[in-house]
Amino acid sequence: MLTALEKGVKGGKWHSLIDKVYSERNLRAAFKRVKANRGSAGVDNQTIEMFETRLEENLTRLHKALRDGAYHPQRIRRVWIPKPGHKAEKRPLGVPTVRDRVVQTSLRSVLEPIFDRDFAEHSYGFRPERGCRDALRRVDTLLKSGFTWVVDADLKSYFDTVSHEPLLDRVRDKVVDGKVLDLICAFLTQEVMETAATWTPEQGTPQGAVVSPLLSNIYLDPLDHLMAKAGFEMVRYADDLVVLCRTEAEAQEALAMLQEWTGAVKLILHPEKTQIVDATQPGGFDFLGYHFERGYRWPRKKSIKKLRDVLRSKTKRTNGHSLEAVISNVNKTTIGWFAYFKHSHKTTFPRLDKWLRMRLRSILRKRRRGSKGRGRGQDHNRWPNAFFAEHGLFSLVAAHAEACQPARR
C-alpha cells in the first residue's frame, strides 16, 4: 500500500481496501489507539477494560464480521456536555461502542494516507504531524507579513450539517471498494440513542466518532484548494477557519467566495459570527483559543473562563485535601494550560497567578483561622507569594519569563 501511495494506483482509484481494514494486525493496532484515548462505554455498557479482557476473541470476531460483510455498527450513545465558555449552552457528543471505535480507527488508518497526501497545505486539523500550534504559527506569520484584514468565518453547526451524498461522492473520487463505502455509509447513518428516544441521522458526521474528523476534512478539501487557487491565505483547523488578506477589498472578495461555496454545498456561515476585521485595530479576532489584536495575542475570554472554572473546582475551601495535594492537582492544570498559551502577551499571567493565590489563601484562611471569605488583607503577610513558591506552586509569570529568555538572548 505504501508503494502504491508513492507510485500511484491505476486510474487514481483504490479498488481493494477492505482486507486492510479487517487485517487482525491493523485491528490490534487500532485497539491500542482506542485504549490510549480512553473514553467511556457505549450503548452496550462495555468498557475498554472489559473489551481487553477477551481481546483476541473480540478482535477475531470483528475480523470475521468485516471479512464476511456481517459487521453492523451499534447505536451511538448521545450525551450533552457543557460548551466551553457557556454556562447554559451544551453541545452534543456521540459515544460509539468500543468495538465500533476499534473498527473506525482501523478504517481511518487505511483511508487517511490516501487522502491526506493531497490535502491543502493550509489545512491543519486532525492531520498527522500537524496541530493547533502549526496553524497559530502560520496566522502569526501572515499577520506580521501585512495580512491584517481578516475574514473570521464561523461554520454554523458544521458537523451536524454535512450532506452525506456529496461527502460519499468525494470519497468515491479515490475509493471504489464497495465494502469500504458501505462501511462509511453505515457509520454516517448509525442510529443515535438519546435517553429513551432513538433516531437515524440524515445528514452530518457524528461528533465523537473516530472517523468524523477525516470525513470532515475530505468534505472541506475542495474549499481549501479553491481558496488556494484564487490566491487567498486561508488557515483552517477542522471547521474553524480564517482568511488573511492585505486589503479590505481582498477580504470582501474572499468572503464572497466563501459564501458562494458554502451555499452551494448547503453549509451555513453564521451571520452574526462571520465578519471582516482589521487586526491592527481594537476588536481583533479569535482563533483556536487565542485572541489576536494590534500585533499581540492572548487567551480569548472563553479560554480564561474555562481555566478559572477548572481551577475553581480544584480550590474549593471545603475540598478536604492537604495544601500540598491541592497545589499538585492545580499544577497539572496550569502547566498544561501554559504549554499552549505561553506565547500570550506578558500581561496575561500576573492576574491569573494573583487570582489563584487568592483561592489558596482562602483555603488556609478557613482551615487555620476559621475565617470566612476570600484571602485578603493580613492573609498576604501570613502566606506571602514566597510561601506558595516554597510549596511548589507553578507560577505562570515565572514560567513565561523563563520561556522568553532564549528569545532575548
Protein backbone atom coordinates (compact mmCIF):
# COMPACT_ATOMS: atom_id res chain seq x y z
CA MET A 1 0.00 0.00 0.00
CA LEU A 2 2.88 2.36 0.80
CA THR A 3 4.44 1.58 -2.58
CA ALA A 4 1.14 2.27 -4.31
CA LEU A 5 0.84 5.57 -2.47
CA GLU A 6 4.24 6.61 -3.80
CA LYS A 7 3.77 5.39 -7.38
CA GLY A 8 0.01 5.82 -7.65
CA VAL A 9 -2.74 3.34 -8.43
CA LYS A 10 -4.46 2.65 -11.74
CA GLY A 11 -6.88 5.43 -12.56
CA GLY A 12 -6.12 7.07 -9.24
CA LYS A 13 -8.77 4.93 -7.54
CA TRP A 14 -8.42 2.25 -4.87
CA HIS A 15 -10.39 -0.91 -5.64
CA SER A 16 -9.41 -3.25 -2.80
CA LEU A 17 -9.09 -1.87 0.73
CA ILE A 18 -11.44 -3.82 2.97
CA ASP A 19 -8.80 -6.53 3.52
CA LYS A 20 -6.55 -3.84 5.03
CA VAL A 21 -9.38 -2.71 7.30
CA TYR A 22 -10.14 -6.17 8.68
CA SER A 23 -6.49 -7.19 8.98
CA GLU A 24 -6.05 -8.53 12.51
CA ARG A 25 -2.75 -6.66 12.78
CA ASN A 26 -4.50 -3.40 11.91
CA LEU A 27 -7.38 -4.11 14.30
CA ARG A 28 -4.92 -4.84 17.11
CA ALA A 29 -3.08 -1.55 16.47
CA ALA A 30 -6.45 0.21 16.35
CA PHE A 31 -7.37 -1.12 19.78
CA LYS A 32 -4.11 0.23 21.21
CA ARG A 33 -5.08 3.70 19.97
CA VAL A 34 -8.59 3.40 21.34
CA LYS A 35 -7.18 2.33 24.71
CA ALA A 36 -4.73 5.25 24.76
CA ASN A 37 -7.57 7.70 24.04
CA ARG A 38 -9.61 6.20 26.90
CA GLY A 39 -13.28 7.15 26.63
CA SER A 40 -16.41 5.73 28.18
CA ALA A 41 -18.64 2.80 27.26
CA GLY A 42 -21.27 2.97 24.54
CA VAL A 43 -24.82 1.65 24.49
CA ASP A 44 -23.64 -1.90 25.27
CA ASN A 45 -22.01 -0.71 28.53
CA GLN A 46 -18.78 -2.47 27.58
CA THR A 47 -15.73 -0.56 28.80
CA ILE A 48 -12.26 -0.64 27.26
CA GLU A 49 -11.10 -2.80 30.15
CA MET A 50 -13.91 -5.29 29.57
CA PHE A 51 -13.12 -5.45 25.84
CA GLU A 52 -9.45 -6.06 26.62
CA THR A 53 -10.10 -9.00 28.95
CA ARG A 54 -11.21 -11.00 25.89
CA LEU A 55 -9.17 -9.06 23.35
CA GLU A 56 -8.16 -11.86 20.97
CA GLU A 57 -11.68 -13.23 20.87
CA ASN A 58 -13.17 -9.78 20.24
CA LEU A 59 -10.66 -8.91 17.51
CA THR A 60 -11.18 -12.28 15.79
CA ARG A 61 -14.94 -11.71 15.87
CA LEU A 62 -14.54 -8.26 14.30
CA HIS A 63 -12.12 -9.63 11.69
CA LYS A 64 -14.60 -12.31 10.58
CA ALA A 65 -17.62 -9.98 10.61
CA LEU A 66 -15.84 -7.38 8.45
CA ARG A 67 -14.47 -10.04 6.10
CA ASP A 68 -17.85 -11.71 5.65
CA GLY A 69 -19.84 -8.47 5.37
CA ALA A 70 -21.72 -9.26 8.57
CA TYR A 71 -20.48 -6.30 10.59
CA HIS A 72 -23.06 -3.67 11.58
CA PRO A 73 -22.28 -0.73 13.87
CA GLN A 74 -24.27 -0.43 17.07
CA ARG A 75 -26.19 2.65 18.15
CA ILE A 76 -24.36 5.77 19.27
CA ARG A 77 -24.99 6.98 22.80
CA ARG A 78 -25.55 10.72 22.68
CA VAL A 79 -24.58 12.83 25.67
CA TRP A 80 -24.62 16.59 26.13
CA ILE A 81 -21.51 18.26 27.51
CA PRO A 82 -21.03 21.91 28.57
CA LYS A 83 -19.94 24.20 25.76
CA PRO A 84 -16.64 25.92 26.67
CA GLY A 85 -17.32 29.43 27.91
CA HIS A 86 -21.08 28.94 28.21
CA LYS A 87 -22.94 28.12 31.40
CA ALA A 88 -26.28 27.27 29.83
CA GLU A 89 -25.30 26.05 26.35
CA LYS A 90 -24.31 22.46 25.72
CA ARG A 91 -23.09 20.59 22.66
CA PRO A 92 -23.89 17.00 21.63
CA LEU A 93 -21.24 14.31 21.75
CA GLY A 94 -21.71 10.86 20.28
CA VAL A 95 -20.16 7.91 22.13
CA PRO A 96 -19.78 4.83 19.89
CA THR A 97 -19.20 1.42 21.46
CA VAL A 98 -15.61 0.27 21.98
CA ARG A 99 -15.93 -2.32 19.16
CA ASP A 100 -17.11 0.40 16.77
CA ARG A 101 -14.31 2.74 17.83
CA VAL A 102 -11.81 -0.04 17.04
CA VAL A 103 -13.28 -0.56 13.55
CA GLN A 104 -13.43 3.18 12.87
CA THR A 105 -9.81 3.59 13.93
CA SER A 106 -8.80 0.72 11.65
CA LEU A 107 -10.78 2.28 8.79
CA ARG A 108 -9.20 5.68 9.37
CA SER A 109 -5.67 4.24 9.34
CA VAL A 110 -6.38 2.86 5.86
CA LEU A 111 -8.12 5.92 4.40
CA GLU A 112 -6.03 8.67 5.98
CA PRO A 113 -2.80 8.21 3.95
CA ILE A 114 -4.80 8.03 0.71
CA PHE A 115 -6.49 11.39 1.23
CA ASP A 116 -4.04 13.26 3.43
CA ARG A 117 -1.28 13.36 0.81
CA ASP A 118 -3.47 15.59 -1.40
CA PHE A 119 -4.95 17.80 1.33
CA ALA A 120 -4.10 21.51 1.07
CA GLU A 121 -1.07 22.87 2.89
CA HIS A 122 -3.15 25.30 4.97
CA SER A 123 -5.37 22.56 6.47
CA TYR A 124 -4.08 21.73 9.96
CA GLY A 125 -6.87 19.98 11.86
CA PHE A 126 -6.66 16.28 12.74
CA ARG A 127 -3.81 15.54 10.38
CA PRO A 128 -0.60 13.56 11.04
CA GLU A 129 2.25 15.67 12.43
CA ARG A 130 0.14 18.85 12.37
CA GLY A 131 -1.78 20.64 15.06
CA CYS A 132 -3.10 23.83 16.57
CA ARG A 133 0.34 25.28 17.18
CA ASP A 134 1.23 24.98 13.49
CA ALA A 135 -1.97 26.77 12.50
CA LEU A 136 -1.38 29.53 15.07
CA ARG A 137 2.22 29.93 13.91
CA ARG A 138 1.00 30.39 10.33
CA VAL A 139 -1.55 33.02 11.38
CA ASP A 140 1.11 34.89 13.35
CA THR A 141 3.49 34.82 10.38
CA LEU A 142 0.85 36.16 8.00
CA LEU A 143 -0.17 38.96 10.36
CA LYS A 144 3.44 40.06 10.72
CA SER A 145 3.77 39.97 6.92
CA GLY A 146 0.98 42.52 6.47
CA PHE A 147 -2.05 40.24 6.01
CA THR A 148 -4.05 42.15 8.61
CA TRP A 149 -7.53 42.20 7.04
CA VAL A 150 -9.12 39.01 8.31
CA VAL A 151 -12.23 37.09 7.31
CA ASP A 152 -13.23 35.49 10.60
CA ALA A 153 -15.60 32.75 9.43
CA ASP A 154 -17.86 30.54 11.51
CA LEU A 155 -19.49 27.44 10.02
CA LYS A 156 -22.72 27.04 11.94
CA SER A 157 -23.23 23.51 13.32
CA TYR A 158 -20.79 22.18 10.73
CA PHE A 159 -20.56 18.56 11.87
CA ASP A 160 -24.36 18.33 12.00
CA THR A 161 -24.96 19.80 8.54
CA VAL A 162 -22.60 17.85 6.28
CA SER A 163 -24.61 16.32 3.42
CA HIS A 164 -23.99 12.59 3.15
CA GLU A 165 -24.20 12.05 -0.61
CA PRO A 166 -21.76 14.83 -1.63
CA LEU A 167 -19.39 13.57 1.07
CA LEU A 168 -19.59 10.00 -0.26
CA ASP A 169 -19.05 11.34 -3.79
CA ARG A 170 -15.76 12.88 -2.63
CA VAL A 171 -14.72 9.62 -1.06
CA ARG A 172 -15.60 7.80 -4.32
CA ASP A 173 -13.18 10.07 -6.18
CA LYS A 174 -10.40 7.89 -4.76
CA VAL A 175 -12.06 4.83 -3.22
CA VAL A 176 -14.31 2.48 -5.20
CA ASP A 177 -14.18 -0.52 -2.87
CA GLY A 178 -17.89 -1.08 -2.32
CA LYS A 179 -17.46 -2.72 1.09
CA VAL A 180 -15.45 0.24 2.39
CA LEU A 181 -18.02 2.69 1.03
CA ASP A 182 -20.81 0.68 2.66
CA LEU A 183 -18.89 0.78 5.94
CA ILE A 184 -18.54 4.57 5.79
CA CYS A 185 -22.23 4.91 4.96
CA ALA A 186 -23.11 2.66 7.90
CA PHE A 187 -21.16 4.89 10.28
CA LEU A 188 -22.78 8.05 8.88
CA THR A 189 -26.26 6.61 9.42
CA GLN A 190 -25.73 4.92 12.78
CA GLU A 191 -28.79 5.15 14.96
CA VAL A 192 -28.43 7.63 17.80
CA MET A 193 -29.83 6.83 21.22
CA GLU A 194 -30.66 9.78 23.43
CA THR A 195 -32.44 8.94 26.70
CA ALA A 196 -35.45 6.85 25.61
CA ALA A 197 -35.55 8.09 22.01
CA THR A 198 -33.75 6.58 19.02
CA TRP A 199 -33.31 8.24 15.61
CA THR A 200 -31.27 7.87 12.41
CA PRO A 201 -29.36 10.94 11.15
CA GLU A 202 -29.98 12.01 7.56
CA GLN A 203 -27.02 14.38 7.47
CA GLY A 204 -23.91 15.24 9.46
CA THR A 205 -20.96 13.29 10.79
CA PRO A 206 -21.34 12.18 14.43
CA GLN A 207 -19.21 14.25 16.82
CA GLY A 208 -17.16 11.85 18.89
CA ALA A 209 -16.80 9.27 16.11
CA VAL A 210 -13.17 8.43 15.32
CA VAL A 211 -13.64 8.72 11.57
CA SER A 212 -15.55 12.04 11.63
CA PRO A 213 -12.53 14.42 11.59
CA LEU A 214 -11.12 12.73 8.48
CA LEU A 215 -14.50 12.82 6.73
CA SER A 216 -14.90 16.49 7.64
CA ASN A 217 -11.52 17.28 6.07
CA ILE A 218 -12.48 15.35 2.94
CA TYR A 219 -15.70 17.38 2.69
CA LEU A 220 -13.93 20.75 3.02
CA ASP A 221 -10.93 19.85 0.87
CA PRO A 222 -12.42 21.35 -2.34
CA LEU A 223 -12.86 24.66 -0.49
CA ASP A 224 -9.23 24.55 0.61
CA HIS A 225 -7.99 24.13 -2.96
CA LEU A 226 -10.44 26.69 -4.33
CA MET A 227 -9.20 29.38 -1.94
CA ALA A 228 -5.55 28.47 -2.57
CA LYS A 229 -6.03 28.58 -6.35
CA ALA A 230 -7.62 32.02 -6.00
CA GLY A 231 -4.54 33.20 -4.11
CA PHE A 232 -6.14 33.61 -0.69
CA GLU A 233 -4.24 32.83 2.51
CA MET A 234 -6.71 30.66 4.40
CA VAL A 235 -5.79 28.83 7.60
CA ARG A 236 -8.20 26.07 8.59
CA TYR A 237 -8.37 23.76 11.58
CA ALA A 238 -11.35 21.42 11.10
CA ASP A 239 -14.36 23.77 10.88
CA ASP A 240 -12.50 26.74 12.39
CA LEU A 241 -11.08 28.96 9.65
CA VAL A 242 -9.75 32.43 8.91
CA VAL A 243 -8.69 34.08 5.66
CA LEU A 244 -5.93 36.68 5.99
CA CYS A 245 -5.73 39.41 3.35
CA ARG A 246 -3.71 42.55 2.65
CA THR A 247 -6.67 44.84 1.90
CA GLU A 248 -10.31 45.21 2.86
CA ALA A 249 -11.34 44.77 -0.78
CA GLU A 250 -9.47 41.46 -0.94
CA ALA A 251 -11.19 40.34 2.28
CA GLN A 252 -14.59 41.20 0.81
CA GLU A 253 -13.77 39.13 -2.27
CA ALA A 254 -12.67 36.19 -0.10
CA LEU A 255 -15.84 36.36 1.96
CA ALA A 256 -17.98 36.40 -1.19
CA MET A 257 -16.20 33.27 -2.44
CA LEU A 258 -16.74 31.57 0.93
CA GLN A 259 -20.43 32.46 0.90
CA GLU A 260 -20.90 31.16 -2.64
CA TRP A 261 -19.15 27.83 -1.96
CA THR A 262 -20.80 27.11 1.38
CA GLY A 263 -24.20 27.98 -0.03
CA ALA A 264 -23.71 25.54 -2.91
CA VAL A 265 -22.97 22.65 -0.52
CA LYS A 266 -25.70 23.66 1.95
CA LEU A 267 -23.36 24.73 4.74
CA ILE A 268 -24.17 27.84 6.73
CA LEU A 269 -21.85 30.73 7.53
CA HIS A 270 -23.07 32.08 10.86
CA PRO A 271 -24.47 35.54 10.00
CA GLU A 272 -23.55 37.09 13.37
CA LYS A 273 -20.19 35.42 14.00
CA THR A 274 -18.76 35.69 10.46
CA GLN A 275 -17.12 39.08 9.98
CA ILE A 276 -14.29 41.04 8.40
CA VAL A 277 -11.93 42.68 10.89
CA ASP A 278 -8.87 44.88 10.73
CA ALA A 279 -6.44 43.15 13.08
CA THR A 280 -4.47 46.37 13.57
CA GLN A 281 -7.45 48.00 15.30
CA PRO A 282 -9.26 47.30 18.60
CA GLY A 283 -11.59 44.34 18.35
CA GLY A 284 -9.40 41.79 16.62
CA PHE A 285 -10.45 38.17 16.16
CA ASP A 286 -10.37 34.80 17.95
CA PHE A 287 -8.79 31.65 16.57
CA LEU A 288 -8.06 28.33 18.30
CA GLY A 289 -8.37 29.71 21.81
CA TYR A 290 -6.28 32.84 21.20
CA HIS A 291 -7.34 36.44 20.62
CA PHE A 292 -5.33 38.40 18.03
CA GLU A 293 -5.32 42.19 18.12
CA ARG A 294 -2.94 45.07 17.26
CA GLY A 295 0.11 42.87 16.86
CA TYR A 296 -0.41 40.91 20.07
CA ARG A 297 -2.17 37.77 21.14
CA TRP A 298 -3.57 36.48 24.38
CA PRO A 299 -6.10 33.85 25.50
CA ARG A 300 -9.63 34.69 24.44
CA LYS A 301 -12.16 35.33 27.20
CA LYS A 302 -13.66 31.84 26.94
CA SER A 303 -10.20 30.28 27.37
CA ILE A 304 -9.61 32.29 30.56
CA LYS A 305 -13.08 31.43 31.86
CA LYS A 306 -12.59 27.73 31.17
CA LEU A 307 -9.28 27.76 33.05
CA ARG A 308 -10.79 29.58 36.03
CA ASP A 309 -13.75 27.21 36.14
CA VAL A 310 -11.42 24.19 36.33
CA LEU A 311 -9.21 25.79 38.97
CA ARG A 312 -12.22 26.95 40.97
CA SER A 313 -13.43 23.34 41.20
CA LYS A 314 -9.99 22.28 42.45
CA THR A 315 -9.64 25.01 45.09
CA LYS A 316 -12.92 24.86 46.99
CA ARG A 317 -12.47 25.82 50.65
CA THR A 318 -14.23 22.59 51.64
CA ASN A 319 -12.22 20.22 49.43
CA GLY A 320 -10.71 18.36 52.40
CA HIS A 321 -7.28 17.76 50.81
CA SER A 322 -3.94 18.95 52.13
CA LEU A 323 -2.43 22.12 50.69
CA GLU A 324 0.30 20.04 49.04
CA ALA A 325 -2.31 17.82 47.36
CA VAL A 326 -4.33 20.83 46.19
CA ILE A 327 -1.23 22.52 44.74
CA SER A 328 -0.17 19.31 43.00
CA ASN A 329 -3.63 18.98 41.44
CA VAL A 330 -3.72 22.63 40.43
CA ASN A 331 -0.28 22.40 38.83
CA LYS A 332 -1.47 19.64 36.49
CA THR A 333 -3.92 22.14 35.01
CA THR A 334 -1.78 25.28 34.94
CA ILE A 335 1.30 23.57 33.47
CA GLY A 336 -0.74 22.10 30.61
CA TRP A 337 -2.56 25.40 30.04
CA PHE A 338 0.70 27.35 29.94
CA ALA A 339 2.22 24.94 27.42
CA TYR A 340 -0.45 26.05 24.95
CA PHE A 341 -0.82 29.72 25.89
CA LYS A 342 2.81 30.58 26.68
CA HIS A 343 3.00 32.81 23.59
CA SER A 344 0.46 35.22 25.05
CA HIS A 345 1.27 38.83 25.93
CA LYS A 346 3.05 39.09 29.29
CA THR A 347 0.12 40.94 30.93
CA THR A 348 -1.91 37.71 30.74
CA PHE A 349 -0.16 35.89 33.55
CA PRO A 350 0.15 38.13 36.68
CA ARG A 351 -3.62 38.41 37.13
CA LEU A 352 -4.09 34.65 36.92
CA ASP A 353 -1.27 33.95 39.38
CA LYS A 354 -2.72 36.52 41.79
CA TRP A 355 -6.24 35.09 41.49
CA LEU A 356 -5.04 31.52 42.10
CA ARG A 357 -3.03 32.51 45.19
CA MET A 358 -6.14 34.27 46.50
CA ARG A 359 -8.05 30.99 46.15
CA LEU A 360 -5.35 29.14 48.07
CA ARG A 361 -5.22 31.82 50.80
CA SER A 362 -8.98 31.44 51.19
CA ILE A 363 -8.48 27.72 51.89
CA LEU A 364 -5.81 28.47 54.51
CA ARG A 365 -7.91 31.28 56.00
CA LYS A 366 -10.79 28.88 56.63
CA ARG A 367 -8.73 25.94 57.86
CA ARG A 368 -6.20 27.68 60.07
CA ARG A 369 -8.16 30.67 61.34
CA GLY A 370 -11.77 29.62 60.90
CA SER A 371 -12.48 32.78 58.92
CA LYS A 372 -14.91 33.08 56.04
CA GLY A 373 -14.47 34.93 52.79
CA ARG A 374 -11.60 35.41 50.39
CA GLY A 375 -7.93 35.57 51.32
CA ARG A 376 -7.13 39.26 51.72
CA GLY A 377 -5.52 41.90 53.96
CA GLN A 378 -3.22 40.29 56.53
CA ASP A 379 -3.54 36.95 54.76
CA HIS A 380 -0.94 38.26 52.29
CA ASN A 381 1.52 38.72 55.16
CA ARG A 382 0.72 35.38 56.77
CA TRP A 383 1.11 33.50 53.48
CA PRO A 384 3.18 35.63 51.10
CA ASN A 385 3.86 34.68 47.48
CA ALA A 386 7.13 33.07 48.52
CA PHE A 387 5.20 30.69 50.79
CA PHE A 388 3.37 29.18 47.82
CA ALA A 389 6.56 29.04 45.75
CA GLU A 390 8.21 27.06 48.56
CA HIS A 391 5.25 24.65 48.47
CA GLY A 392 5.78 24.06 44.75
CA LEU A 393 3.01 26.19 43.20
CA PHE A 394 3.62 26.62 39.47
CA SER A 395 3.96 30.30 38.61
CA LEU A 396 2.73 31.40 35.19
CA VAL A 397 4.72 34.65 35.46
CA ALA A 398 7.97 32.85 36.27
CA ALA A 399 7.38 30.27 33.54
CA HIS A 400 6.72 33.00 30.97
CA ALA A 401 9.86 34.90 31.98
CA GLU A 402 11.92 31.74 31.61
CA ALA A 403 10.33 30.93 28.25
CA CYS A 404 11.23 34.41 26.96
CA GLN A 405 14.92 34.22 27.95
CA PRO A 406 16.17 32.34 24.86
CA ALA A 407 14.35 34.87 22.66
CA ARG A 408 16.08 37.76 24.46
CA ARG A 409 19.48 36.16 24.03
